[in-house]
N, C-alpha and C. Protein backbone atom coordinates (compact mmCIF):
# COMPACT_ATOMS: atom_id res chain seq x y z
N UNK A 1 -165.95 138.56 -77.86
CA UNK A 1 -164.70 139.24 -77.55
C UNK A 1 -163.91 138.39 -76.56
N UNK A 2 -162.64 138.19 -76.86
CA UNK A 2 -161.76 137.45 -75.95
C UNK A 2 -161.37 138.33 -74.78
N UNK A 3 -161.31 137.73 -73.60
CA UNK A 3 -160.84 138.44 -72.42
C UNK A 3 -159.56 137.78 -71.92
N UNK A 4 -158.50 138.56 -71.86
CA UNK A 4 -157.21 138.08 -71.41
C UNK A 4 -156.92 138.68 -70.03
N UNK A 5 -156.67 137.82 -69.07
CA UNK A 5 -156.33 138.28 -67.72
C UNK A 5 -154.82 138.43 -67.58
N UNK A 6 -154.37 139.64 -67.27
CA UNK A 6 -152.95 139.89 -67.02
C UNK A 6 -152.78 139.86 -65.50
N UNK A 7 -152.23 138.77 -65.01
CA UNK A 7 -152.18 138.52 -63.56
C UNK A 7 -150.88 139.07 -62.98
N UNK A 8 -151.02 140.00 -62.06
CA UNK A 8 -149.86 140.59 -61.37
C UNK A 8 -149.52 139.65 -60.21
N UNK A 9 -148.40 138.94 -60.34
CA UNK A 9 -148.08 137.86 -59.42
C UNK A 9 -147.49 138.27 -58.09
N UNK A 10 -146.95 139.45 -57.97
CA UNK A 10 -146.32 139.88 -56.72
C UNK A 10 -147.27 140.74 -55.90
N UNK A 11 -147.24 140.52 -54.61
CA UNK A 11 -148.01 141.38 -53.69
C UNK A 11 -147.07 142.13 -52.75
N UNK A 12 -145.79 142.05 -53.00
CA UNK A 12 -144.77 142.67 -52.14
C UNK A 12 -144.88 144.19 -52.15
N UNK A 13 -144.75 144.85 -51.00
CA UNK A 13 -144.69 146.32 -51.00
C UNK A 13 -143.51 146.80 -51.85
N UNK A 14 -143.72 147.84 -52.63
CA UNK A 14 -142.67 148.38 -53.48
C UNK A 14 -142.40 147.55 -54.72
N UNK A 15 -143.30 146.64 -55.06
CA UNK A 15 -143.13 145.75 -56.22
C UNK A 15 -143.03 146.54 -57.52
N UNK A 16 -142.48 145.89 -58.54
CA UNK A 16 -142.43 146.45 -59.89
C UNK A 16 -143.54 145.90 -60.77
N UNK A 17 -144.20 144.84 -60.33
CA UNK A 17 -145.14 144.11 -61.16
C UNK A 17 -146.30 144.92 -61.69
N UNK A 18 -146.81 145.85 -60.91
CA UNK A 18 -147.95 146.63 -61.40
C UNK A 18 -147.57 147.49 -62.60
N UNK A 19 -146.36 148.08 -62.57
CA UNK A 19 -145.93 148.90 -63.70
C UNK A 19 -145.65 148.04 -64.94
N UNK A 20 -145.05 146.89 -64.72
CA UNK A 20 -144.79 145.98 -65.83
C UNK A 20 -146.11 145.52 -66.45
N UNK A 21 -147.07 145.14 -65.62
CA UNK A 21 -148.37 144.67 -66.11
C UNK A 21 -149.11 145.77 -66.88
N UNK A 22 -149.06 147.00 -66.39
CA UNK A 22 -149.71 148.11 -67.09
C UNK A 22 -149.08 148.34 -68.46
N UNK A 23 -147.76 148.22 -68.53
CA UNK A 23 -147.04 148.35 -69.80
C UNK A 23 -147.48 147.26 -70.77
N UNK A 24 -147.55 146.02 -70.29
CA UNK A 24 -148.00 144.90 -71.13
C UNK A 24 -149.43 145.15 -71.60
N UNK A 25 -150.30 145.57 -70.68
CA UNK A 25 -151.69 145.83 -71.04
C UNK A 25 -151.80 146.88 -72.13
N UNK A 26 -151.07 147.98 -72.00
CA UNK A 26 -151.14 149.05 -72.98
C UNK A 26 -150.63 148.58 -74.35
N UNK A 27 -149.48 147.92 -74.37
CA UNK A 27 -148.93 147.43 -75.64
C UNK A 27 -149.86 146.42 -76.29
N UNK A 28 -150.36 145.48 -75.49
CA UNK A 28 -151.21 144.42 -76.03
C UNK A 28 -152.52 144.98 -76.57
N UNK A 29 -153.13 145.90 -75.84
CA UNK A 29 -154.41 146.47 -76.27
C UNK A 29 -154.24 147.28 -77.55
N UNK A 30 -153.18 148.07 -77.63
CA UNK A 30 -152.93 148.85 -78.85
C UNK A 30 -152.69 147.94 -80.05
N UNK A 31 -151.97 146.85 -79.82
CA UNK A 31 -151.60 145.94 -80.89
C UNK A 31 -152.79 145.08 -81.36
N UNK A 32 -153.57 144.57 -80.42
CA UNK A 32 -154.65 143.63 -80.75
C UNK A 32 -155.92 144.32 -81.23
N UNK A 33 -156.12 145.55 -80.82
CA UNK A 33 -157.33 146.26 -81.23
C UNK A 33 -158.53 145.93 -80.35
N UNK A 34 -159.71 146.31 -80.84
CA UNK A 34 -160.93 146.24 -80.04
C UNK A 34 -161.53 144.85 -79.89
N UNK A 35 -161.02 143.86 -80.61
CA UNK A 35 -161.60 142.52 -80.56
C UNK A 35 -161.19 141.76 -79.30
N UNK A 36 -160.26 142.30 -78.56
CA UNK A 36 -159.75 141.62 -77.36
C UNK A 36 -159.69 142.60 -76.20
N UNK A 37 -160.06 142.10 -75.02
CA UNK A 37 -160.02 142.92 -73.81
C UNK A 37 -158.90 142.39 -72.92
N UNK A 38 -157.98 143.25 -72.55
CA UNK A 38 -156.87 142.89 -71.67
C UNK A 38 -157.13 143.52 -70.31
N UNK A 39 -157.38 142.68 -69.30
CA UNK A 39 -157.75 143.15 -67.97
C UNK A 39 -156.66 142.82 -66.96
N UNK A 40 -156.32 143.80 -66.12
CA UNK A 40 -155.38 143.54 -65.04
C UNK A 40 -156.09 142.78 -63.93
N UNK A 41 -155.44 141.74 -63.44
CA UNK A 41 -155.94 140.95 -62.31
C UNK A 41 -154.84 141.02 -61.24
N UNK A 42 -155.06 141.82 -60.22
CA UNK A 42 -154.06 142.08 -59.20
C UNK A 42 -154.31 141.19 -57.99
N UNK A 43 -153.35 140.33 -57.67
CA UNK A 43 -153.51 139.45 -56.51
C UNK A 43 -153.70 140.23 -55.22
N UNK A 44 -153.20 141.46 -55.17
CA UNK A 44 -153.41 142.29 -53.97
C UNK A 44 -154.90 142.53 -53.73
N UNK A 45 -155.67 142.63 -54.79
CA UNK A 45 -157.10 142.89 -54.66
C UNK A 45 -157.87 141.68 -54.14
N UNK A 46 -157.31 140.50 -54.28
CA UNK A 46 -158.01 139.28 -53.89
C UNK A 46 -157.64 138.78 -52.50
N UNK A 47 -156.51 139.17 -51.98
CA UNK A 47 -156.08 138.86 -50.61
C UNK A 47 -156.37 137.40 -50.24
N UNK A 48 -155.83 136.49 -51.04
CA UNK A 48 -156.02 135.07 -50.77
C UNK A 48 -155.09 134.63 -49.65
N UNK A 49 -155.62 134.04 -48.57
CA UNK A 49 -154.73 133.52 -47.53
C UNK A 49 -153.99 132.30 -48.05
N UNK A 50 -153.02 131.82 -47.31
CA UNK A 50 -152.36 130.59 -47.67
C UNK A 50 -153.44 129.53 -47.83
N UNK A 51 -153.38 128.76 -48.88
CA UNK A 51 -154.45 127.84 -49.29
C UNK A 51 -155.18 127.25 -48.08
N UNK A 52 -156.47 127.56 -47.99
CA UNK A 52 -157.25 127.14 -46.82
C UNK A 52 -158.48 126.33 -47.19
N UNK A 53 -158.45 125.69 -48.35
CA UNK A 53 -159.55 124.82 -48.75
C UNK A 53 -159.23 123.39 -48.31
N UNK A 54 -160.15 122.71 -47.64
CA UNK A 54 -159.86 121.37 -47.14
C UNK A 54 -159.78 120.30 -48.23
N UNK A 55 -160.41 120.54 -49.37
CA UNK A 55 -160.40 119.57 -50.47
C UNK A 55 -159.65 120.18 -51.64
N UNK A 56 -158.72 119.44 -52.27
CA UNK A 56 -157.96 119.98 -53.41
C UNK A 56 -158.89 120.44 -54.53
N UNK A 57 -158.49 121.50 -55.20
CA UNK A 57 -159.32 122.11 -56.25
C UNK A 57 -159.62 121.15 -57.39
N UNK A 58 -158.74 120.20 -57.65
CA UNK A 58 -158.98 119.24 -58.71
C UNK A 58 -160.10 118.27 -58.41
N UNK A 59 -160.49 118.17 -57.15
CA UNK A 59 -161.54 117.23 -56.76
C UNK A 59 -162.88 117.90 -56.49
N UNK A 60 -162.86 119.17 -56.09
CA UNK A 60 -164.11 119.87 -55.77
C UNK A 60 -163.87 121.37 -55.81
N UNK A 61 -164.90 122.12 -56.23
CA UNK A 61 -164.76 123.58 -56.21
C UNK A 61 -164.58 124.08 -54.77
N UNK A 62 -163.88 125.18 -54.62
CA UNK A 62 -163.65 125.76 -53.30
C UNK A 62 -164.93 126.24 -52.66
N UNK A 63 -164.94 126.25 -51.33
CA UNK A 63 -166.12 126.67 -50.58
C UNK A 63 -165.99 128.03 -49.93
N UNK A 64 -164.76 128.50 -49.72
CA UNK A 64 -164.56 129.78 -49.05
C UNK A 64 -165.03 130.92 -49.96
N UNK A 65 -165.60 131.99 -49.39
CA UNK A 65 -166.03 133.12 -50.22
C UNK A 65 -164.91 133.71 -51.07
N UNK A 66 -163.68 133.81 -50.51
CA UNK A 66 -162.58 134.37 -51.30
C UNK A 66 -162.22 133.44 -52.46
N UNK A 67 -162.37 132.13 -52.27
CA UNK A 67 -162.10 131.18 -53.36
C UNK A 67 -163.13 131.34 -54.46
N UNK A 68 -164.37 131.50 -54.09
CA UNK A 68 -165.44 131.65 -55.09
C UNK A 68 -165.26 132.93 -55.90
N UNK A 69 -164.88 134.01 -55.22
CA UNK A 69 -164.64 135.27 -55.95
C UNK A 69 -163.47 135.11 -56.93
N UNK A 70 -162.40 134.45 -56.45
CA UNK A 70 -161.23 134.23 -57.28
C UNK A 70 -161.58 133.32 -58.48
N UNK A 71 -162.34 132.28 -58.23
CA UNK A 71 -162.74 131.35 -59.29
C UNK A 71 -163.58 132.07 -60.35
N UNK A 72 -164.46 132.93 -59.90
CA UNK A 72 -165.30 133.67 -60.85
C UNK A 72 -164.46 134.60 -61.71
N UNK A 73 -163.50 135.27 -61.08
CA UNK A 73 -162.64 136.20 -61.84
C UNK A 73 -161.80 135.47 -62.87
N UNK A 74 -161.15 134.39 -62.44
CA UNK A 74 -160.28 133.64 -63.34
C UNK A 74 -161.08 132.88 -64.39
N UNK A 75 -162.21 132.34 -63.99
CA UNK A 75 -163.05 131.60 -64.92
C UNK A 75 -163.59 132.44 -66.05
N UNK A 76 -163.69 133.74 -65.85
CA UNK A 76 -164.23 134.63 -66.89
C UNK A 76 -163.22 134.92 -68.00
N UNK A 77 -161.97 134.56 -67.79
CA UNK A 77 -160.92 134.85 -68.78
C UNK A 77 -160.78 133.70 -69.78
N UNK A 78 -160.39 134.07 -71.01
CA UNK A 78 -160.15 133.09 -72.06
C UNK A 78 -158.68 132.68 -72.14
N UNK A 79 -157.81 133.48 -71.58
CA UNK A 79 -156.36 133.23 -71.59
C UNK A 79 -155.73 134.12 -70.53
N UNK A 80 -154.44 133.86 -70.27
CA UNK A 80 -153.76 134.57 -69.19
C UNK A 80 -152.36 134.97 -69.59
N UNK A 81 -151.91 136.08 -69.02
CA UNK A 81 -150.50 136.46 -69.05
C UNK A 81 -150.08 136.60 -67.60
N UNK A 82 -149.15 135.75 -67.17
CA UNK A 82 -148.62 135.86 -65.82
C UNK A 82 -147.44 136.83 -65.84
N UNK A 83 -147.53 137.87 -65.02
CA UNK A 83 -146.43 138.83 -64.85
C UNK A 83 -145.78 138.48 -63.52
N UNK A 84 -144.55 137.98 -63.60
CA UNK A 84 -143.93 137.45 -62.39
C UNK A 84 -142.51 137.92 -62.17
N UNK A 85 -142.17 138.24 -60.93
CA UNK A 85 -140.77 138.42 -60.58
C UNK A 85 -140.18 137.04 -60.29
N UNK A 86 -138.91 137.04 -59.92
CA UNK A 86 -138.26 135.80 -59.52
C UNK A 86 -137.64 136.01 -58.14
N UNK A 87 -138.07 135.19 -57.19
CA UNK A 87 -137.53 135.23 -55.84
C UNK A 87 -136.83 133.89 -55.58
N UNK A 88 -135.52 133.90 -55.44
CA UNK A 88 -134.78 132.68 -55.14
C UNK A 88 -135.08 131.57 -56.16
N UNK A 89 -135.03 131.93 -57.43
CA UNK A 89 -135.25 131.04 -58.58
C UNK A 89 -136.68 130.56 -58.74
N UNK A 90 -137.63 131.17 -58.08
CA UNK A 90 -139.02 130.72 -58.14
C UNK A 90 -139.96 131.91 -58.28
N UNK A 91 -141.20 131.64 -58.72
CA UNK A 91 -142.19 132.71 -58.70
C UNK A 91 -142.56 133.03 -57.26
N UNK A 92 -143.16 134.18 -57.01
CA UNK A 92 -143.53 134.51 -55.63
C UNK A 92 -144.57 133.53 -55.09
N UNK A 93 -144.53 133.31 -53.80
CA UNK A 93 -145.49 132.41 -53.15
C UNK A 93 -146.92 132.86 -53.40
N UNK A 94 -147.14 134.17 -53.50
CA UNK A 94 -148.50 134.68 -53.74
C UNK A 94 -149.07 134.15 -55.05
N UNK A 95 -148.25 134.06 -56.09
CA UNK A 95 -148.72 133.57 -57.38
C UNK A 95 -148.95 132.07 -57.35
N UNK A 96 -148.01 131.33 -56.81
CA UNK A 96 -148.17 129.87 -56.71
C UNK A 96 -149.41 129.52 -55.89
N UNK A 97 -149.62 130.23 -54.80
CA UNK A 97 -150.78 130.00 -53.94
C UNK A 97 -152.07 130.29 -54.71
N UNK A 98 -152.11 131.39 -55.44
CA UNK A 98 -153.32 131.75 -56.19
C UNK A 98 -153.63 130.71 -57.26
N UNK A 99 -152.61 130.19 -57.91
CA UNK A 99 -152.81 129.15 -58.92
C UNK A 99 -153.37 127.89 -58.26
N UNK A 100 -152.84 127.52 -57.10
CA UNK A 100 -153.25 126.30 -56.41
C UNK A 100 -154.70 126.33 -55.94
N UNK A 101 -155.28 127.49 -55.77
CA UNK A 101 -156.66 127.59 -55.32
C UNK A 101 -157.65 127.00 -56.32
N UNK A 102 -157.28 126.97 -57.60
CA UNK A 102 -158.22 126.59 -58.65
C UNK A 102 -157.69 125.43 -59.48
N UNK A 103 -158.58 124.84 -60.25
CA UNK A 103 -158.17 123.78 -61.17
C UNK A 103 -158.95 123.92 -62.48
N UNK A 104 -160.25 123.71 -62.44
CA UNK A 104 -161.04 123.71 -63.67
C UNK A 104 -161.06 125.05 -64.38
N UNK A 105 -160.90 126.14 -63.61
CA UNK A 105 -160.93 127.48 -64.23
C UNK A 105 -159.72 127.70 -65.14
N UNK A 106 -158.61 127.01 -64.89
CA UNK A 106 -157.41 127.16 -65.70
C UNK A 106 -157.43 126.26 -66.93
N UNK A 107 -158.09 125.12 -66.84
CA UNK A 107 -157.98 124.05 -67.84
C UNK A 107 -158.43 124.49 -69.23
N UNK A 108 -157.65 124.06 -70.23
CA UNK A 108 -158.01 124.31 -71.62
C UNK A 108 -157.80 125.73 -72.09
N UNK A 109 -157.06 126.51 -71.33
CA UNK A 109 -156.81 127.90 -71.70
C UNK A 109 -155.31 128.14 -71.85
N UNK A 110 -154.92 129.01 -72.77
CA UNK A 110 -153.49 129.29 -72.94
C UNK A 110 -152.97 130.29 -71.92
N UNK A 111 -151.67 130.17 -71.67
CA UNK A 111 -151.01 131.08 -70.73
C UNK A 111 -149.67 131.52 -71.31
N UNK A 112 -149.35 132.78 -71.10
CA UNK A 112 -148.08 133.36 -71.54
C UNK A 112 -147.41 133.99 -70.34
N UNK A 113 -146.13 134.36 -70.50
CA UNK A 113 -145.34 134.82 -69.36
C UNK A 113 -144.53 136.07 -69.68
N UNK A 114 -144.57 137.00 -68.73
CA UNK A 114 -143.68 138.16 -68.74
C UNK A 114 -142.99 138.13 -67.38
N UNK A 115 -141.67 137.92 -67.41
CA UNK A 115 -140.91 137.83 -66.17
C UNK A 115 -139.94 138.98 -66.03
N UNK A 116 -139.68 139.35 -64.79
CA UNK A 116 -138.68 140.39 -64.54
C UNK A 116 -137.86 140.01 -63.31
N UNK A 117 -136.56 140.28 -63.41
CA UNK A 117 -135.65 139.95 -62.32
C UNK A 117 -134.22 140.11 -62.79
N UNK A 118 -133.28 139.66 -61.98
CA UNK A 118 -131.87 139.78 -62.32
C UNK A 118 -131.60 139.16 -63.69
N UNK A 119 -132.14 137.96 -63.91
CA UNK A 119 -131.93 137.26 -65.17
C UNK A 119 -133.22 137.11 -65.97
N UNK A 120 -134.16 138.01 -65.79
CA UNK A 120 -135.40 137.97 -66.55
C UNK A 120 -136.42 136.97 -66.04
N UNK A 121 -136.22 136.45 -64.85
CA UNK A 121 -137.16 135.51 -64.21
C UNK A 121 -137.34 134.22 -65.00
N UNK A 122 -136.32 133.81 -65.75
CA UNK A 122 -136.46 132.61 -66.58
C UNK A 122 -136.65 131.34 -65.74
N UNK A 123 -136.04 131.25 -64.58
CA UNK A 123 -136.22 130.06 -63.74
C UNK A 123 -137.60 130.04 -63.09
N UNK A 124 -138.09 131.20 -62.71
CA UNK A 124 -139.45 131.27 -62.17
C UNK A 124 -140.47 130.86 -63.22
N UNK A 125 -140.28 131.31 -64.45
CA UNK A 125 -141.20 130.95 -65.53
C UNK A 125 -141.14 129.45 -65.81
N UNK A 126 -139.96 128.85 -65.74
CA UNK A 126 -139.86 127.40 -65.95
C UNK A 126 -140.72 126.66 -64.92
N UNK A 127 -140.73 127.11 -63.70
CA UNK A 127 -141.54 126.46 -62.67
C UNK A 127 -143.03 126.68 -62.92
N UNK A 128 -143.38 127.86 -63.41
CA UNK A 128 -144.78 128.11 -63.74
C UNK A 128 -145.23 127.25 -64.93
N UNK A 129 -144.33 127.04 -65.88
CA UNK A 129 -144.66 126.18 -67.03
C UNK A 129 -144.99 124.76 -66.57
N UNK A 130 -144.22 124.24 -65.63
CA UNK A 130 -144.48 122.90 -65.11
C UNK A 130 -145.85 122.85 -64.43
N UNK A 131 -146.17 123.88 -63.67
CA UNK A 131 -147.45 123.95 -62.99
C UNK A 131 -148.60 124.04 -64.00
N UNK A 132 -148.40 124.80 -65.06
CA UNK A 132 -149.44 124.96 -66.08
C UNK A 132 -149.76 123.63 -66.76
N UNK A 133 -148.76 122.84 -67.03
CA UNK A 133 -148.99 121.56 -67.68
C UNK A 133 -149.88 120.65 -66.87
N UNK A 134 -149.65 120.60 -65.57
CA UNK A 134 -150.46 119.77 -64.68
C UNK A 134 -151.91 120.23 -64.68
N UNK A 135 -152.12 121.52 -64.84
CA UNK A 135 -153.47 122.09 -64.82
C UNK A 135 -154.14 122.07 -66.20
N UNK A 136 -153.50 121.42 -67.18
CA UNK A 136 -154.03 121.29 -68.54
C UNK A 136 -154.17 122.63 -69.25
N UNK A 137 -153.26 123.55 -68.93
CA UNK A 137 -153.22 124.83 -69.63
C UNK A 137 -152.35 124.67 -70.87
N UNK A 138 -152.61 125.46 -71.89
CA UNK A 138 -151.76 125.48 -73.09
C UNK A 138 -150.66 126.50 -72.85
N UNK A 139 -149.49 126.00 -72.62
CA UNK A 139 -148.33 126.82 -72.26
C UNK A 139 -147.64 127.26 -73.55
N UNK A 140 -147.76 128.54 -73.92
CA UNK A 140 -147.19 128.98 -75.19
C UNK A 140 -145.71 129.31 -75.05
N UNK A 141 -145.00 129.27 -76.17
CA UNK A 141 -143.55 129.43 -76.16
C UNK A 141 -143.01 130.81 -75.90
N UNK A 142 -143.45 131.82 -76.64
CA UNK A 142 -142.82 133.14 -76.47
C UNK A 142 -142.99 133.66 -75.04
N UNK A 143 -141.93 134.23 -74.51
CA UNK A 143 -142.03 134.91 -73.23
C UNK A 143 -141.18 136.17 -73.29
N UNK A 144 -141.48 137.10 -72.43
CA UNK A 144 -140.73 138.34 -72.34
C UNK A 144 -139.93 138.29 -71.04
N UNK A 145 -138.61 138.46 -71.15
CA UNK A 145 -137.71 138.41 -69.99
C UNK A 145 -137.08 139.78 -69.80
N UNK A 146 -137.55 140.50 -68.79
CA UNK A 146 -137.05 141.84 -68.48
C UNK A 146 -136.01 141.73 -67.37
N UNK A 147 -134.86 142.34 -67.58
CA UNK A 147 -133.81 142.24 -66.57
C UNK A 147 -133.71 143.53 -65.76
N UNK A 148 -133.44 143.36 -64.48
CA UNK A 148 -133.36 144.52 -63.60
C UNK A 148 -132.22 145.44 -63.99
N UNK A 149 -131.15 144.89 -64.52
CA UNK A 149 -129.99 145.71 -64.89
C UNK A 149 -130.15 146.49 -66.17
N UNK A 150 -131.00 146.00 -67.10
CA UNK A 150 -131.12 146.65 -68.40
C UNK A 150 -132.48 147.29 -68.66
N UNK A 151 -133.50 146.87 -67.94
CA UNK A 151 -134.85 147.39 -68.19
C UNK A 151 -135.40 148.21 -67.02
N UNK A 152 -134.56 148.42 -66.02
CA UNK A 152 -134.93 149.24 -64.86
C UNK A 152 -133.74 150.13 -64.52
N UNK A 153 -134.01 151.34 -64.09
CA UNK A 153 -132.96 152.23 -63.61
C UNK A 153 -132.91 152.09 -62.10
N UNK A 154 -131.73 151.82 -61.56
CA UNK A 154 -131.56 151.58 -60.12
C UNK A 154 -132.47 150.46 -59.61
N UNK A 155 -132.75 149.49 -60.48
CA UNK A 155 -133.54 148.30 -60.16
C UNK A 155 -135.00 148.58 -59.83
N UNK A 156 -135.45 149.82 -59.94
CA UNK A 156 -136.83 150.13 -59.56
C UNK A 156 -137.60 150.94 -60.59
N UNK A 157 -136.94 151.80 -61.33
CA UNK A 157 -137.62 152.68 -62.29
C UNK A 157 -137.72 151.93 -63.62
N UNK A 158 -138.91 151.45 -63.94
CA UNK A 158 -139.12 150.60 -65.11
C UNK A 158 -139.00 151.38 -66.41
N UNK A 159 -138.01 151.03 -67.22
CA UNK A 159 -137.80 151.64 -68.53
C UNK A 159 -137.40 150.54 -69.51
N UNK A 160 -138.39 149.83 -70.03
CA UNK A 160 -138.09 148.68 -70.89
C UNK A 160 -137.42 149.09 -72.20
N UNK A 161 -136.52 148.24 -72.64
CA UNK A 161 -135.86 148.47 -73.93
C UNK A 161 -136.86 148.27 -75.07
N UNK A 162 -136.61 148.95 -76.16
CA UNK A 162 -137.51 148.93 -77.32
C UNK A 162 -137.67 147.52 -77.89
N UNK A 163 -136.66 146.70 -77.80
CA UNK A 163 -136.73 145.35 -78.37
C UNK A 163 -137.86 144.53 -77.76
N UNK A 164 -138.30 144.88 -76.56
CA UNK A 164 -139.36 144.11 -75.90
C UNK A 164 -140.74 144.37 -76.51
N UNK A 165 -140.91 145.46 -77.23
CA UNK A 165 -142.20 145.74 -77.85
C UNK A 165 -142.54 144.63 -78.85
N UNK A 166 -141.60 144.29 -79.71
CA UNK A 166 -141.82 143.21 -80.68
C UNK A 166 -142.05 141.88 -79.97
N UNK A 167 -141.39 141.66 -78.84
CA UNK A 167 -141.59 140.41 -78.09
C UNK A 167 -143.01 140.33 -77.54
N UNK A 168 -143.51 141.44 -77.03
CA UNK A 168 -144.89 141.46 -76.53
C UNK A 168 -145.85 141.19 -77.69
N UNK A 169 -145.60 141.77 -78.85
CA UNK A 169 -146.47 141.55 -80.01
C UNK A 169 -146.50 140.08 -80.41
N UNK A 170 -145.32 139.43 -80.43
CA UNK A 170 -145.27 138.00 -80.76
C UNK A 170 -146.02 137.17 -79.72
N UNK A 171 -145.84 137.52 -78.46
CA UNK A 171 -146.55 136.83 -77.39
C UNK A 171 -148.06 136.96 -77.57
N UNK A 172 -148.53 138.16 -77.86
CA UNK A 172 -149.97 138.41 -78.05
C UNK A 172 -150.47 137.63 -79.26
N UNK A 173 -149.74 137.64 -80.37
CA UNK A 173 -150.16 136.88 -81.56
C UNK A 173 -150.39 135.42 -81.23
N UNK A 174 -149.43 134.80 -80.56
CA UNK A 174 -149.55 133.38 -80.27
C UNK A 174 -150.62 133.11 -79.22
N UNK A 175 -150.70 133.94 -78.21
CA UNK A 175 -151.70 133.75 -77.16
C UNK A 175 -153.12 133.83 -77.74
N UNK A 176 -153.37 134.80 -78.60
CA UNK A 176 -154.70 134.95 -79.18
C UNK A 176 -155.02 133.82 -80.15
N UNK A 177 -154.03 133.37 -80.91
CA UNK A 177 -154.25 132.25 -81.82
C UNK A 177 -154.66 131.00 -81.04
N UNK A 178 -153.96 130.75 -79.94
CA UNK A 178 -154.30 129.59 -79.10
C UNK A 178 -155.66 129.77 -78.44
N UNK A 179 -155.97 130.95 -77.96
CA UNK A 179 -157.26 131.19 -77.31
C UNK A 179 -158.41 130.97 -78.28
N UNK A 180 -158.25 131.43 -79.51
CA UNK A 180 -159.30 131.24 -80.51
C UNK A 180 -159.44 129.76 -80.88
N UNK A 181 -158.31 129.08 -81.03
CA UNK A 181 -158.35 127.66 -81.41
C UNK A 181 -158.94 126.79 -80.29
N UNK A 182 -158.60 127.09 -79.05
CA UNK A 182 -159.05 126.26 -77.94
C UNK A 182 -160.47 126.57 -77.47
N UNK A 183 -160.96 127.76 -77.77
CA UNK A 183 -162.29 128.16 -77.30
C UNK A 183 -163.36 127.11 -77.54
N UNK A 184 -163.56 126.67 -78.79
CA UNK A 184 -164.63 125.69 -79.05
C UNK A 184 -164.32 124.30 -78.49
N UNK A 185 -163.06 124.02 -78.20
CA UNK A 185 -162.67 122.69 -77.73
C UNK A 185 -162.60 122.59 -76.22
N UNK A 186 -162.77 123.72 -75.54
CA UNK A 186 -162.60 123.74 -74.09
C UNK A 186 -163.56 122.77 -73.42
N UNK A 187 -163.02 121.97 -72.51
CA UNK A 187 -163.83 121.01 -71.77
C UNK A 187 -164.71 121.79 -70.80
N UNK A 188 -166.02 121.48 -70.77
CA UNK A 188 -166.88 122.19 -69.82
C UNK A 188 -166.37 122.03 -68.39
N UNK A 189 -166.59 123.04 -67.59
CA UNK A 189 -166.05 123.05 -66.22
C UNK A 189 -166.48 121.82 -65.42
N UNK A 190 -167.72 121.40 -65.53
CA UNK A 190 -168.21 120.27 -64.77
C UNK A 190 -167.46 118.99 -65.18
N UNK A 191 -167.23 118.81 -66.48
CA UNK A 191 -166.53 117.62 -66.96
C UNK A 191 -165.11 117.59 -66.44
N UNK A 192 -164.46 118.75 -66.38
CA UNK A 192 -163.08 118.81 -65.88
C UNK A 192 -163.04 118.38 -64.43
N UNK A 193 -163.99 118.88 -63.59
CA UNK A 193 -163.95 118.51 -62.19
C UNK A 193 -164.22 117.03 -61.99
N UNK A 194 -165.05 116.44 -62.84
CA UNK A 194 -165.35 115.01 -62.70
C UNK A 194 -164.15 114.15 -63.14
N UNK A 195 -163.34 114.65 -64.09
CA UNK A 195 -162.18 113.89 -64.56
C UNK A 195 -161.06 113.91 -63.55
N UNK A 196 -160.95 114.95 -62.75
CA UNK A 196 -159.81 115.12 -61.85
C UNK A 196 -159.80 114.10 -60.73
């Protein structure tokens, strides 16, 4: 069974990300059926401080207990969906920081994006795509762009338009196809750390 981690990128009080991620999880699980498990991964639950590992993740696994817990959680997933807002044209620092903690756990796995913001978080997603490439993730094309003016009432009450359901389905189709194709080809974790 494939396990897809739906990562809630914002830790801000009053965030919209948890509701967006739950909506994605429900749609994806109903659409994909029992062969795939969609799990919410909330950065609030991991409480990662600003990167505090003395050696970059590409050169050595992290030593801090919070890094090890995070690595275990992310390493158990076959693919990811990043749910991200956009703050000043970028993803939140909490998400960028969480990504930077790891290296080998991301490699060889596909990633998809659901963004929300004034303009659907398209600039934040572009920055995440660049980061994914460096980490050897398979960055898939379809993304869901939710706008605060059209998919939220008063910018806070999440009410996505119906057209986004088909977008989530397309995203899930491509993400699962890539996860299945890359599974047997994935570089073992030890080999990835030695290559970095």
